[in-house]
């Protein structure tokens, strides 16, 4: 990329990061207040689209700074240094701020973030990227042709989405039992996931 073009790309990314950090669109609906948590630059060839920050991530401001993140890094084979290198990995949740607690756990991601910010972030990322759709919210938004299908069915059929998209379950503690019931996930999907990740990092 020519030097001027690279500088323009960096300027666009920096302004977008500032705009997102200053976003208060859902402030009145967020019990702990807004704190958007995203990670991106102009160069990562791996994009992780997750759910929404939990309370621990809200406190630290670091994406996937919790046991779910440790499990996701294990699945992908990414080290912490690789995972948190914004030049190599972009992290764009469906909701950028912690939505608060509900009767049975964290509330769903706020609906405002994806239409407000996702397209702008996608425009600054490389086109030849690997996208990991982590959890049913990301899959419902980006795999619209599979509306109504269960998360298990979508993940089981991962090869159908081609080499650039891999759907994954959310790596919360609840996935441990799911993995026991679905041994193909570790036997078939994870090796292909790790190969795809390594290929994008090469």
N, C-alpha and C. Protein backbone atom coordinates (compact mmCIF):
# COMPACT_ATOMS: atom_id res chain seq x y z
N UNK A 1 0.85 -1.18 0.00
CA UNK A 1 0.00 0.00 0.00
C UNK A 1 0.89 1.25 0.00
N UNK A 2 0.66 2.20 -0.93
CA UNK A 2 1.47 3.43 -0.94
C UNK A 2 1.39 4.15 0.40
N UNK A 3 2.44 4.92 0.71
CA UNK A 3 2.53 5.54 2.02
C UNK A 3 1.34 6.45 2.31
N UNK A 4 0.93 7.27 1.33
CA UNK A 4 -0.19 8.19 1.57
C UNK A 4 -1.49 7.43 1.80
N UNK A 5 -1.68 6.35 1.03
CA UNK A 5 -2.89 5.54 1.21
C UNK A 5 -2.90 4.88 2.58
N UNK A 6 -1.73 4.39 3.01
CA UNK A 6 -1.64 3.77 4.33
C UNK A 6 -1.94 4.77 5.42
N UNK A 7 -1.46 6.01 5.27
CA UNK A 7 -1.72 7.03 6.27
C UNK A 7 -3.20 7.39 6.29
N UNK A 8 -3.81 7.48 5.12
CA UNK A 8 -5.25 7.77 5.06
C UNK A 8 -6.04 6.67 5.77
N UNK A 9 -5.64 5.40 5.53
CA UNK A 9 -6.34 4.29 6.19
C UNK A 9 -6.19 4.38 7.70
N UNK A 10 -5.01 4.72 8.17
CA UNK A 10 -4.80 4.86 9.62
C UNK A 10 -5.64 6.00 10.18
N UNK A 11 -5.73 7.09 9.44
CA UNK A 11 -6.53 8.23 9.90
C UNK A 11 -8.01 7.87 10.00
N UNK A 12 -8.49 7.12 9.00
CA UNK A 12 -9.90 6.69 9.03
C UNK A 12 -10.15 5.78 10.23
N UNK A 13 -9.23 4.85 10.47
CA UNK A 13 -9.38 3.94 11.61
C UNK A 13 -9.37 4.71 12.92
N UNK A 14 -8.44 5.62 13.08
CA UNK A 14 -8.34 6.39 14.32
C UNK A 14 -9.61 7.20 14.57
N UNK A 15 -10.15 7.82 13.52
CA UNK A 15 -11.37 8.61 13.70
C UNK A 15 -12.55 7.70 14.06
N UNK A 16 -12.63 6.55 13.41
CA UNK A 16 -13.70 5.61 13.72
C UNK A 16 -13.60 5.10 15.15
N UNK A 17 -12.38 4.80 15.58
CA UNK A 17 -12.18 4.37 16.97
C UNK A 17 -12.61 5.46 17.95
N UNK A 18 -12.29 6.71 17.64
CA UNK A 18 -12.71 7.82 18.51
C UNK A 18 -14.23 7.95 18.54
N UNK A 19 -14.85 7.83 17.38
CA UNK A 19 -16.31 7.96 17.32
C UNK A 19 -16.99 6.86 18.13
N UNK A 20 -16.48 5.64 18.01
CA UNK A 20 -17.06 4.53 18.76
C UNK A 20 -16.86 4.73 20.26
N UNK A 21 -15.66 5.12 20.67
CA UNK A 21 -15.37 5.33 22.09
C UNK A 21 -16.27 6.40 22.69
N UNK A 22 -16.69 7.37 21.87
CA UNK A 22 -17.51 8.47 22.37
C UNK A 22 -19.01 8.19 22.26
N UNK A 23 -19.38 7.02 21.75
CA UNK A 23 -20.79 6.73 21.51
C UNK A 23 -21.57 6.63 22.82
N UNK A 24 -22.71 7.31 22.89
CA UNK A 24 -23.61 7.24 24.05
C UNK A 24 -25.03 6.92 23.60
N UNK A 25 -25.17 6.34 22.42
CA UNK A 25 -26.51 6.09 21.85
C UNK A 25 -27.43 5.35 22.82
N UNK A 26 -26.90 4.36 23.55
CA UNK A 26 -27.74 3.53 24.43
C UNK A 26 -27.55 3.86 25.91
N UNK A 27 -26.95 4.99 26.21
CA UNK A 27 -26.57 5.29 27.60
C UNK A 27 -27.73 5.13 28.57
N UNK A 28 -28.91 5.58 28.17
CA UNK A 28 -30.05 5.52 29.09
C UNK A 28 -30.54 4.10 29.34
N UNK A 29 -30.11 3.15 28.50
CA UNK A 29 -30.54 1.75 28.62
C UNK A 29 -29.48 0.86 29.26
N UNK A 30 -28.32 1.41 29.57
CA UNK A 30 -27.21 0.62 30.09
C UNK A 30 -27.05 0.87 31.58
N UNK A 31 -27.34 -0.12 32.42
CA UNK A 31 -27.29 0.11 33.87
C UNK A 31 -25.92 0.51 34.38
N UNK A 32 -24.85 0.06 33.73
CA UNK A 32 -23.49 0.41 34.15
C UNK A 32 -22.88 1.50 33.27
N UNK A 33 -23.66 2.09 32.40
CA UNK A 33 -23.17 3.14 31.54
C UNK A 33 -22.46 2.61 30.31
N UNK A 34 -22.21 3.46 29.33
CA UNK A 34 -21.55 3.01 28.09
C UNK A 34 -20.05 2.85 28.28
N UNK A 35 -19.52 1.78 27.74
CA UNK A 35 -18.08 1.59 27.60
C UNK A 35 -17.85 0.65 26.43
N UNK A 36 -17.86 1.18 25.21
CA UNK A 36 -17.70 0.31 24.03
C UNK A 36 -16.36 -0.43 24.06
N UNK A 37 -16.43 -1.73 23.80
CA UNK A 37 -15.22 -2.56 23.80
C UNK A 37 -15.10 -3.22 22.43
N UNK A 38 -14.15 -2.72 21.64
CA UNK A 38 -13.88 -3.27 20.31
C UNK A 38 -12.37 -3.26 20.09
N UNK A 39 -11.94 -3.97 19.05
CA UNK A 39 -10.52 -4.00 18.70
C UNK A 39 -10.40 -4.14 17.19
N UNK A 40 -9.75 -3.18 16.54
CA UNK A 40 -9.55 -3.30 15.10
C UNK A 40 -8.51 -2.29 14.63
N UNK A 41 -7.99 -2.55 13.45
CA UNK A 41 -7.10 -1.62 12.75
C UNK A 41 -7.40 -1.82 11.26
N UNK A 42 -6.50 -1.37 10.42
CA UNK A 42 -6.71 -1.52 8.97
C UNK A 42 -6.12 -2.80 8.41
N UNK A 43 -5.49 -3.63 9.24
CA UNK A 43 -4.73 -4.75 8.70
C UNK A 43 -5.13 -6.15 9.14
N UNK A 44 -5.96 -6.38 10.17
CA UNK A 44 -6.19 -7.76 10.63
C UNK A 44 -6.93 -8.60 9.59
N UNK A 45 -6.46 -9.82 9.43
CA UNK A 45 -7.09 -10.75 8.50
C UNK A 45 -7.92 -11.81 9.23
N UNK A 46 -8.09 -11.60 10.52
CA UNK A 46 -9.00 -12.43 11.31
C UNK A 46 -9.98 -11.49 12.02
N UNK A 47 -11.26 -11.75 11.86
CA UNK A 47 -12.31 -10.96 12.49
C UNK A 47 -13.16 -11.86 13.36
N UNK A 48 -13.29 -11.51 14.62
CA UNK A 48 -14.14 -12.25 15.55
C UNK A 48 -15.36 -11.40 15.86
N UNK A 49 -16.53 -11.92 15.50
CA UNK A 49 -17.78 -11.23 15.80
C UNK A 49 -18.47 -12.01 16.92
N UNK A 50 -18.46 -11.44 18.11
CA UNK A 50 -19.00 -12.12 19.27
C UNK A 50 -20.35 -11.59 19.69
N UNK A 51 -20.61 -11.64 20.97
CA UNK A 51 -21.94 -11.32 21.50
C UNK A 51 -21.94 -9.91 22.08
N UNK A 52 -21.53 -9.75 23.32
CA UNK A 52 -21.44 -8.45 23.99
C UNK A 52 -20.53 -8.62 25.19
N UNK A 53 -19.89 -7.55 25.64
CA UNK A 53 -19.03 -7.67 26.82
C UNK A 53 -19.82 -8.10 28.05
N UNK A 54 -19.18 -8.90 28.91
CA UNK A 54 -19.75 -9.20 30.21
C UNK A 54 -19.28 -8.17 31.22
N UNK A 55 -19.65 -8.35 32.46
CA UNK A 55 -19.30 -7.37 33.50
C UNK A 55 -17.80 -7.27 33.69
N UNK A 56 -17.09 -8.39 33.58
CA UNK A 56 -15.63 -8.36 33.77
C UNK A 56 -14.96 -7.59 32.63
N UNK A 57 -15.42 -7.80 31.42
CA UNK A 57 -14.86 -7.08 30.27
C UNK A 57 -15.22 -5.59 30.37
N UNK A 58 -16.43 -5.29 30.83
CA UNK A 58 -16.81 -3.90 31.03
C UNK A 58 -15.86 -3.21 32.00
N UNK A 59 -15.47 -3.93 33.05
CA UNK A 59 -14.58 -3.34 34.06
C UNK A 59 -13.17 -3.12 33.52
N UNK A 60 -12.68 -4.06 32.71
CA UNK A 60 -11.29 -3.96 32.23
C UNK A 60 -11.17 -3.21 30.92
N UNK A 61 -12.22 -3.23 30.10
CA UNK A 61 -12.15 -2.64 28.78
C UNK A 61 -11.40 -3.49 27.77
N UNK A 62 -11.09 -4.74 28.14
CA UNK A 62 -10.33 -5.65 27.27
C UNK A 62 -11.27 -6.73 26.75
N UNK A 63 -11.42 -6.88 25.45
CA UNK A 63 -12.35 -7.88 24.92
C UNK A 63 -11.97 -9.31 25.31
N UNK A 64 -12.99 -10.09 25.63
CA UNK A 64 -12.80 -11.50 26.00
C UNK A 64 -11.80 -11.66 27.13
N UNK A 65 -11.82 -10.73 28.07
CA UNK A 65 -10.93 -10.79 29.23
C UNK A 65 -11.61 -11.59 30.34
N UNK A 66 -11.88 -12.86 30.05
CA UNK A 66 -12.64 -13.71 30.96
C UNK A 66 -12.43 -15.17 30.56
N UNK A 67 -12.99 -16.11 31.31
CA UNK A 67 -12.81 -17.53 30.94
C UNK A 67 -13.31 -17.86 29.53
N UNK A 68 -14.34 -17.15 29.06
CA UNK A 68 -14.80 -17.40 27.69
C UNK A 68 -13.70 -17.08 26.69
N UNK A 69 -12.97 -15.99 26.95
CA UNK A 69 -11.88 -15.63 26.06
C UNK A 69 -10.77 -16.65 26.08
N UNK A 70 -10.46 -17.18 27.25
CA UNK A 70 -9.42 -18.22 27.34
C UNK A 70 -9.83 -19.44 26.53
N UNK A 71 -11.10 -19.80 26.60
CA UNK A 71 -11.57 -20.96 25.83
C UNK A 71 -11.53 -20.66 24.33
N UNK A 72 -11.91 -19.46 23.94
CA UNK A 72 -11.88 -19.11 22.52
C UNK A 72 -10.45 -19.12 21.99
N UNK A 73 -9.51 -18.64 22.78
CA UNK A 73 -8.11 -18.68 22.35
C UNK A 73 -7.62 -20.12 22.23
N UNK A 74 -8.07 -20.98 23.12
CA UNK A 74 -7.72 -22.40 23.02
C UNK A 74 -8.28 -22.99 21.73
N UNK A 75 -9.53 -22.68 21.43
CA UNK A 75 -10.13 -23.20 20.21
C UNK A 75 -9.36 -22.76 18.96
N UNK A 76 -8.99 -21.49 18.92
CA UNK A 76 -8.37 -20.95 17.72
C UNK A 76 -6.87 -21.25 17.64
N UNK A 77 -6.27 -21.58 18.77
CA UNK A 77 -4.82 -21.76 18.81
C UNK A 77 -4.06 -20.45 18.88
N UNK A 78 -4.76 -19.33 19.08
CA UNK A 78 -4.11 -18.03 19.18
C UNK A 78 -3.53 -17.85 20.57
N UNK A 79 -2.31 -17.33 20.64
CA UNK A 79 -1.76 -16.93 21.93
C UNK A 79 -2.42 -15.62 22.35
N UNK A 80 -2.26 -15.26 23.61
CA UNK A 80 -2.81 -13.99 24.09
C UNK A 80 -2.19 -12.82 23.33
N UNK A 81 -0.88 -12.90 23.06
CA UNK A 81 -0.22 -11.82 22.32
C UNK A 81 -0.79 -11.68 20.92
N UNK A 82 -1.06 -12.79 20.26
CA UNK A 82 -1.65 -12.75 18.92
C UNK A 82 -3.09 -12.24 18.97
N UNK A 83 -3.84 -12.75 19.94
CA UNK A 83 -5.26 -12.42 20.06
C UNK A 83 -5.46 -10.93 20.28
N UNK A 84 -4.60 -10.32 21.10
CA UNK A 84 -4.76 -8.91 21.44
C UNK A 84 -3.90 -7.99 20.57
N UNK A 85 -3.41 -8.48 19.47
CA UNK A 85 -2.68 -7.66 18.51
C UNK A 85 -3.68 -7.15 17.47
N UNK A 86 -4.04 -5.89 17.58
CA UNK A 86 -5.08 -5.32 16.71
C UNK A 86 -4.65 -5.26 15.26
N UNK A 87 -3.37 -5.43 14.98
CA UNK A 87 -2.93 -5.48 13.58
C UNK A 87 -3.19 -6.85 12.96
N UNK A 88 -3.50 -7.83 13.80
CA UNK A 88 -3.68 -9.20 13.32
C UNK A 88 -5.10 -9.73 13.55
N UNK A 89 -5.74 -9.29 14.63
CA UNK A 89 -7.07 -9.80 14.98
C UNK A 89 -7.99 -8.62 15.29
N UNK A 90 -9.14 -8.59 14.64
CA UNK A 90 -10.18 -7.61 14.95
C UNK A 90 -11.27 -8.30 15.77
N UNK A 91 -11.81 -7.59 16.75
CA UNK A 91 -12.88 -8.12 17.59
C UNK A 91 -14.02 -7.12 17.59
N UNK A 92 -15.16 -7.55 17.05
CA UNK A 92 -16.30 -6.66 16.85
C UNK A 92 -17.57 -7.37 17.36
N UNK A 93 -17.98 -7.13 18.59
CA UNK A 93 -19.16 -7.82 19.10
C UNK A 93 -20.45 -7.28 18.48
N UNK A 94 -21.52 -8.01 18.66
CA UNK A 94 -22.82 -7.54 18.19
C UNK A 94 -23.28 -6.33 18.99
N UNK A 95 -22.97 -6.31 20.27
CA UNK A 95 -23.21 -5.15 21.11
C UNK A 95 -21.90 -4.74 21.74
N UNK A 96 -21.55 -3.47 21.66
CA UNK A 96 -20.23 -3.03 22.10
C UNK A 96 -20.15 -2.81 23.61
N UNK A 97 -21.27 -2.61 24.27
CA UNK A 97 -21.28 -2.30 25.70
C UNK A 97 -21.97 -3.41 26.50
N UNK A 98 -21.59 -3.52 27.76
CA UNK A 98 -22.22 -4.50 28.65
C UNK A 98 -23.69 -4.15 28.81
N UNK A 99 -24.60 -5.08 28.46
CA UNK A 99 -26.04 -4.75 28.48
C UNK A 99 -26.69 -4.87 29.85
N UNK A 100 -25.99 -5.44 30.83
CA UNK A 100 -26.58 -5.62 32.15
C UNK A 100 -27.09 -7.04 32.35
N UNK A 101 -27.56 -7.30 33.54
CA UNK A 101 -28.03 -8.63 33.91
C UNK A 101 -29.53 -8.75 33.75
N UNK A 102 -29.95 -9.97 33.35
CA UNK A 102 -31.35 -10.30 33.30
C UNK A 102 -31.65 -11.42 34.27
N UNK A 103 -32.85 -11.97 34.24
CA UNK A 103 -33.23 -13.03 35.19
C UNK A 103 -32.38 -14.28 35.08
N UNK A 104 -31.86 -14.58 33.89
CA UNK A 104 -31.12 -15.84 33.70
C UNK A 104 -29.71 -15.61 33.16
N UNK A 105 -29.15 -14.45 33.41
CA UNK A 105 -27.80 -14.16 32.92
C UNK A 105 -27.75 -12.79 32.28
N UNK A 106 -26.67 -12.53 31.54
CA UNK A 106 -26.55 -11.24 30.87
C UNK A 106 -27.66 -11.05 29.85
N UNK A 107 -28.10 -9.81 29.71
CA UNK A 107 -29.11 -9.48 28.71
C UNK A 107 -28.53 -9.63 27.30
N UNK A 108 -29.39 -9.73 26.29
CA UNK A 108 -28.89 -9.82 24.90
C UNK A 108 -28.14 -8.55 24.51
N UNK A 109 -27.30 -8.64 23.48
CA UNK A 109 -26.61 -7.44 22.99
C UNK A 109 -27.62 -6.38 22.57
N UNK A 110 -27.27 -5.14 22.79
CA UNK A 110 -28.12 -4.05 22.31
C UNK A 110 -28.21 -4.12 20.78
N UNK A 111 -29.39 -3.84 20.26
CA UNK A 111 -29.62 -3.95 18.82
C UNK A 111 -29.06 -2.76 18.03
N UNK A 112 -28.73 -1.68 18.72
CA UNK A 112 -28.31 -0.48 18.01
C UNK A 112 -26.92 -0.57 17.40
N UNK A 113 -26.02 -1.34 18.01
CA UNK A 113 -24.61 -1.30 17.61
C UNK A 113 -24.35 -1.79 16.19
N UNK A 114 -24.90 -2.93 15.84
CA UNK A 114 -24.58 -3.52 14.53
C UNK A 114 -24.94 -2.59 13.38
N UNK A 115 -26.18 -2.07 13.30
CA UNK A 115 -26.47 -1.17 12.18
C UNK A 115 -25.73 0.15 12.26
N UNK A 116 -25.34 0.55 13.45
CA UNK A 116 -24.66 1.84 13.61
C UNK A 116 -23.19 1.78 13.25
N UNK A 117 -22.50 0.66 13.59
CA UNK A 117 -21.04 0.63 13.49
C UNK A 117 -20.45 -0.49 12.64
N UNK A 118 -21.13 -1.61 12.49
CA UNK A 118 -20.48 -2.76 11.86
C UNK A 118 -20.00 -2.47 10.44
N UNK A 119 -20.84 -1.88 9.64
CA UNK A 119 -20.45 -1.67 8.24
C UNK A 119 -19.24 -0.75 8.14
N UNK A 120 -19.18 0.26 9.00
CA UNK A 120 -18.05 1.17 8.98
C UNK A 120 -16.75 0.43 9.33
N UNK A 121 -16.82 -0.47 10.30
CA UNK A 121 -15.63 -1.24 10.67
C UNK A 121 -15.25 -2.20 9.55
N UNK A 122 -16.23 -2.89 8.99
CA UNK A 122 -15.94 -3.84 7.92
C UNK A 122 -15.28 -3.17 6.73
N UNK A 123 -15.63 -1.92 6.45
CA UNK A 123 -15.05 -1.21 5.31
C UNK A 123 -13.55 -0.97 5.48
N UNK A 124 -13.07 -0.89 6.71
CA UNK A 124 -11.63 -0.60 6.89
C UNK A 124 -10.79 -1.87 7.01
N UNK A 125 -11.43 -3.03 7.10
CA UNK A 125 -10.70 -4.29 7.25
C UNK A 125 -10.32 -4.86 5.88
N UNK A 126 -9.27 -5.67 5.83
CA UNK A 126 -8.93 -6.34 4.57
C UNK A 126 -10.07 -7.24 4.10
N UNK A 127 -10.24 -7.33 2.79
CA UNK A 127 -11.33 -8.14 2.25
C UNK A 127 -11.05 -9.63 2.40
N UNK A 128 -9.79 -10.03 2.35
CA UNK A 128 -9.45 -11.46 2.40
C UNK A 128 -9.29 -11.91 3.85
N UNK A 129 -10.31 -11.69 4.64
CA UNK A 129 -10.24 -12.01 6.07
C UNK A 129 -11.03 -13.28 6.38
N UNK A 130 -10.67 -13.88 7.49
CA UNK A 130 -11.41 -15.00 8.06
C UNK A 130 -12.33 -14.44 9.13
N UNK A 131 -13.63 -14.72 9.02
CA UNK A 131 -14.60 -14.22 9.98
C UNK A 131 -15.12 -15.36 10.84
N UNK A 132 -14.99 -15.21 12.15
CA UNK A 132 -15.51 -16.18 13.11
C UNK A 132 -16.79 -15.62 13.71
N UNK A 133 -17.91 -16.29 13.46
CA UNK A 133 -19.21 -15.87 13.99
C UNK A 133 -19.45 -16.63 15.28
N UNK A 134 -19.21 -15.97 16.40
CA UNK A 134 -19.20 -16.63 17.70
C UNK A 134 -20.55 -16.43 18.39
N UNK A 135 -21.36 -17.48 18.42
CA UNK A 135 -22.64 -17.43 19.10
C UNK A 135 -23.81 -17.17 18.18
N UNK A 136 -25.00 -17.41 18.69
CA UNK A 136 -26.21 -17.36 17.87
C UNK A 136 -26.57 -15.95 17.43
N UNK A 137 -26.23 -14.92 18.20
CA UNK A 137 -26.58 -13.55 17.79
C UNK A 137 -25.82 -13.14 16.54
N UNK A 138 -24.52 -13.42 16.49
CA UNK A 138 -23.73 -13.10 15.31
C UNK A 138 -24.19 -13.92 14.11
N UNK A 139 -24.50 -15.17 14.34
CA UNK A 139 -24.94 -16.04 13.25
C UNK A 139 -26.29 -15.60 12.70
N UNK A 140 -27.21 -15.22 13.58
CA UNK A 140 -28.53 -14.77 13.13
C UNK A 140 -28.42 -13.50 12.28
N UNK A 141 -27.46 -12.63 12.64
CA UNK A 141 -27.32 -11.36 11.93
C UNK A 141 -26.64 -11.55 10.57
N UNK A 142 -25.64 -12.41 10.51
CA UNK A 142 -24.83 -12.51 9.29
C UNK A 142 -25.15 -13.73 8.42
N UNK A 143 -25.86 -14.69 8.95
CA UNK A 143 -26.25 -15.87 8.15
C UNK A 143 -27.77 -15.86 8.01
N UNK A 144 -28.28 -14.84 7.37
CA UNK A 144 -29.74 -14.65 7.32
C UNK A 144 -30.43 -15.76 6.55
N UNK A 145 -29.72 -16.40 5.62
CA UNK A 145 -30.34 -17.49 4.86
C UNK A 145 -30.64 -18.69 5.75
N UNK A 146 -30.00 -18.73 6.92
CA UNK A 146 -30.20 -19.85 7.84
C UNK A 146 -31.12 -19.48 9.00
N UNK A 147 -31.93 -18.47 8.81
CA UNK A 147 -32.86 -18.06 9.86
C UNK A 147 -33.73 -19.23 10.28
N UNK A 148 -33.85 -19.46 11.57
CA UNK A 148 -34.64 -20.56 12.08
C UNK A 148 -33.84 -21.80 12.40
N UNK A 149 -32.65 -21.90 11.84
CA UNK A 149 -31.81 -23.06 12.14
C UNK A 149 -31.21 -22.92 13.54
N UNK A 150 -30.99 -24.03 14.20
CA UNK A 150 -30.39 -23.97 15.52
C UNK A 150 -28.89 -23.67 15.41
N UNK A 151 -28.33 -23.16 16.50
CA UNK A 151 -26.90 -22.91 16.51
C UNK A 151 -26.13 -24.20 16.25
N UNK A 152 -26.58 -25.30 16.85
CA UNK A 152 -25.89 -26.58 16.65
C UNK A 152 -25.89 -26.98 15.18
N UNK A 153 -27.02 -26.82 14.51
CA UNK A 153 -27.10 -27.18 13.09
C UNK A 153 -26.18 -26.31 12.25
N UNK A 154 -26.14 -25.02 12.55
CA UNK A 154 -25.29 -24.11 11.79
C UNK A 154 -23.81 -24.45 11.98
N UNK A 155 -23.40 -24.67 13.23
CA UNK A 155 -22.00 -24.97 13.50
C UNK A 155 -21.62 -26.33 12.90
N UNK A 156 -22.51 -27.30 13.01
CA UNK A 156 -22.24 -28.63 12.45
C UNK A 156 -22.03 -28.57 10.95
N UNK A 157 -22.70 -27.62 10.28
CA UNK A 157 -22.63 -27.50 8.83
C UNK A 157 -21.60 -26.44 8.42
N UNK A 158 -20.56 -26.27 9.23
CA UNK A 158 -19.63 -25.15 9.05
C UNK A 158 -18.96 -25.12 7.69
N UNK A 159 -18.73 -26.28 7.09
CA UNK A 159 -18.03 -26.30 5.79
C UNK A 159 -18.86 -25.63 4.69
N UNK A 160 -20.15 -25.57 4.87
CA UNK A 160 -21.02 -24.99 3.84
C UNK A 160 -20.77 -23.49 3.65
N UNK A 161 -20.19 -22.85 4.65
CA UNK A 161 -20.03 -21.40 4.59
C UNK A 161 -18.71 -20.99 3.93
N UNK A 162 -17.95 -21.95 3.48
CA UNK A 162 -16.74 -21.66 2.72
C UNK A 162 -15.54 -21.40 3.59
N UNK A 163 -14.43 -21.09 2.97
CA UNK A 163 -13.17 -20.97 3.72
C UNK A 163 -13.04 -19.67 4.51
N UNK A 164 -13.92 -18.69 4.28
CA UNK A 164 -13.73 -17.38 4.91
C UNK A 164 -14.66 -17.11 6.10
N UNK A 165 -15.57 -18.03 6.37
CA UNK A 165 -16.51 -17.85 7.49
C UNK A 165 -16.61 -19.16 8.26
N UNK A 166 -16.44 -19.08 9.57
CA UNK A 166 -16.60 -20.26 10.42
C UNK A 166 -17.50 -19.89 11.60
N UNK A 167 -18.66 -20.54 11.72
CA UNK A 167 -19.53 -20.30 12.87
C UNK A 167 -19.07 -21.13 14.07
N UNK A 168 -19.17 -20.54 15.26
CA UNK A 168 -18.76 -21.22 16.49
C UNK A 168 -19.81 -21.01 17.56
N UNK A 169 -19.91 -21.93 18.51
CA UNK A 169 -20.76 -21.68 19.67
C UNK A 169 -20.13 -20.61 20.54
N UNK A 170 -20.93 -20.01 21.40
CA UNK A 170 -20.33 -19.06 22.35
C UNK A 170 -19.51 -19.85 23.37
N UNK A 171 -18.29 -19.40 23.68
CA UNK A 171 -17.40 -20.19 24.53
C UNK A 171 -17.61 -19.99 26.04
N UNK A 172 -18.85 -19.81 26.46
CA UNK A 172 -19.13 -19.67 27.89
C UNK A 172 -19.04 -21.04 28.56
N UNK A 173 -19.19 -21.06 29.88
CA UNK A 173 -19.12 -22.33 30.62
C UNK A 173 -20.19 -23.31 30.16
N UNK A 174 -21.29 -22.79 29.62
CA UNK A 174 -22.38 -23.68 29.18
C UNK A 174 -21.97 -24.57 28.01
N UNK A 175 -20.92 -24.17 27.28
CA UNK A 175 -20.53 -24.93 26.09
C UNK A 175 -19.87 -26.25 26.45
N UNK A 176 -19.42 -26.41 27.69
CA UNK A 176 -18.72 -27.64 28.07
C UNK A 176 -19.63 -28.85 27.89
N UNK A 177 -20.85 -28.76 28.39
CA UNK A 177 -21.80 -29.86 28.22
C UNK A 177 -22.17 -30.06 26.77
N UNK A 178 -22.32 -28.95 26.03
CA UNK A 178 -22.65 -29.04 24.60
C UNK A 178 -21.55 -29.79 23.85
N UNK A 179 -20.28 -29.51 24.18
CA UNK A 179 -19.17 -30.18 23.51
C UNK A 179 -19.15 -31.67 23.79
N UNK A 180 -19.54 -32.05 24.99
CA UNK A 180 -19.61 -33.49 25.29
C UNK A 180 -20.66 -34.18 24.43
N UNK A 181 -21.75 -33.49 24.16
CA UNK A 181 -22.83 -34.07 23.35
C UNK A 181 -22.52 -34.01 21.85
N UNK A 182 -21.57 -33.18 21.48
CA UNK A 182 -21.24 -32.98 20.06
C UNK A 182 -19.73 -33.15 19.84
N UNK A 183 -19.23 -34.38 19.94
CA UNK A 183 -17.78 -34.61 19.84
C UNK A 183 -17.18 -34.24 18.49
N UNK A 184 -18.00 -34.14 17.46
CA UNK A 184 -17.50 -33.73 16.14
C UNK A 184 -16.89 -32.33 16.18
N UNK A 185 -17.32 -31.50 17.14
CA UNK A 185 -16.81 -30.13 17.20
C UNK A 185 -15.29 -30.13 17.43
N UNK A 186 -14.85 -30.90 18.41
CA UNK A 186 -13.41 -30.97 18.68
C UNK A 186 -12.67 -31.80 17.63
N UNK A 187 -13.33 -32.85 17.14
CA UNK A 187 -12.65 -33.77 16.22
C UNK A 187 -12.55 -33.21 14.81
N UNK A 188 -13.56 -32.46 14.37
CA UNK A 188 -13.61 -32.02 12.97
C UNK A 188 -13.44 -30.52 12.80
N UNK A 189 -14.21 -29.74 13.56
CA UNK A 189 -14.19 -28.30 13.34
C UNK A 189 -12.92 -27.64 13.86
N UNK A 190 -12.52 -27.95 15.09
CA UNK A 190 -11.38 -27.24 15.68
C UNK A 190 -10.09 -27.39 14.88
N UNK A 191 -9.75 -28.58 14.37
CA UNK A 191 -8.54 -28.65 13.54
C UNK A 191 -8.60 -27.75 12.31
N UNK A 192 -9.77 -27.69 11.68
CA UNK A 192 -9.90 -26.83 10.50
C UNK A 192 -9.85 -25.36 10.89
N UNK A 193 -10.44 -25.03 12.02
CA UNK A 193 -10.39 -23.66 12.52
C UNK A 193 -8.95 -23.22 12.75
N UNK A 194 -8.18 -24.06 13.41
CA UNK A 194 -6.77 -23.70 13.72
C UNK A 194 -5.94 -23.58 12.46
N UNK A 195 -6.21 -24.44 11.49
CA UNK A 195 -5.48 -24.32 10.22
C UNK A 195 -5.82 -23.01 9.52
N UNK A 196 -7.10 -22.66 9.52
CA UNK A 196 -7.53 -21.43 8.86
C UNK A 196 -6.94 -20.21 9.55
N UNK A 197 -6.89 -20.22 10.87
CA UNK A 197 -6.31 -19.12 11.63
C UNK A 197 -4.82 -18.97 11.31
N UNK A 198 -4.10 -20.11 11.33
CA UNK A 198 -2.66 -20.04 11.05
C UNK A 198 -2.40 -19.54 9.63
N UNK A 199 -3.24 -19.94 8.68
CA UNK A 199 -3.05 -19.50 7.31
C UNK A 199 -3.19 -17.98 7.19
N UNK A 200 -4.15 -17.39 7.95
CA UNK A 200 -4.34 -15.93 7.88
C UNK A 200 -3.22 -15.20 8.59
N UNK A 201 -2.60 -15.82 9.57
CA UNK A 201 -1.51 -15.17 10.31
C UNK A 201 -0.17 -15.28 9.57
N UNK A 202 -0.09 -16.24 8.65
CA UNK A 202 1.20 -16.48 7.97
C UNK A 202 1.63 -15.26 7.18
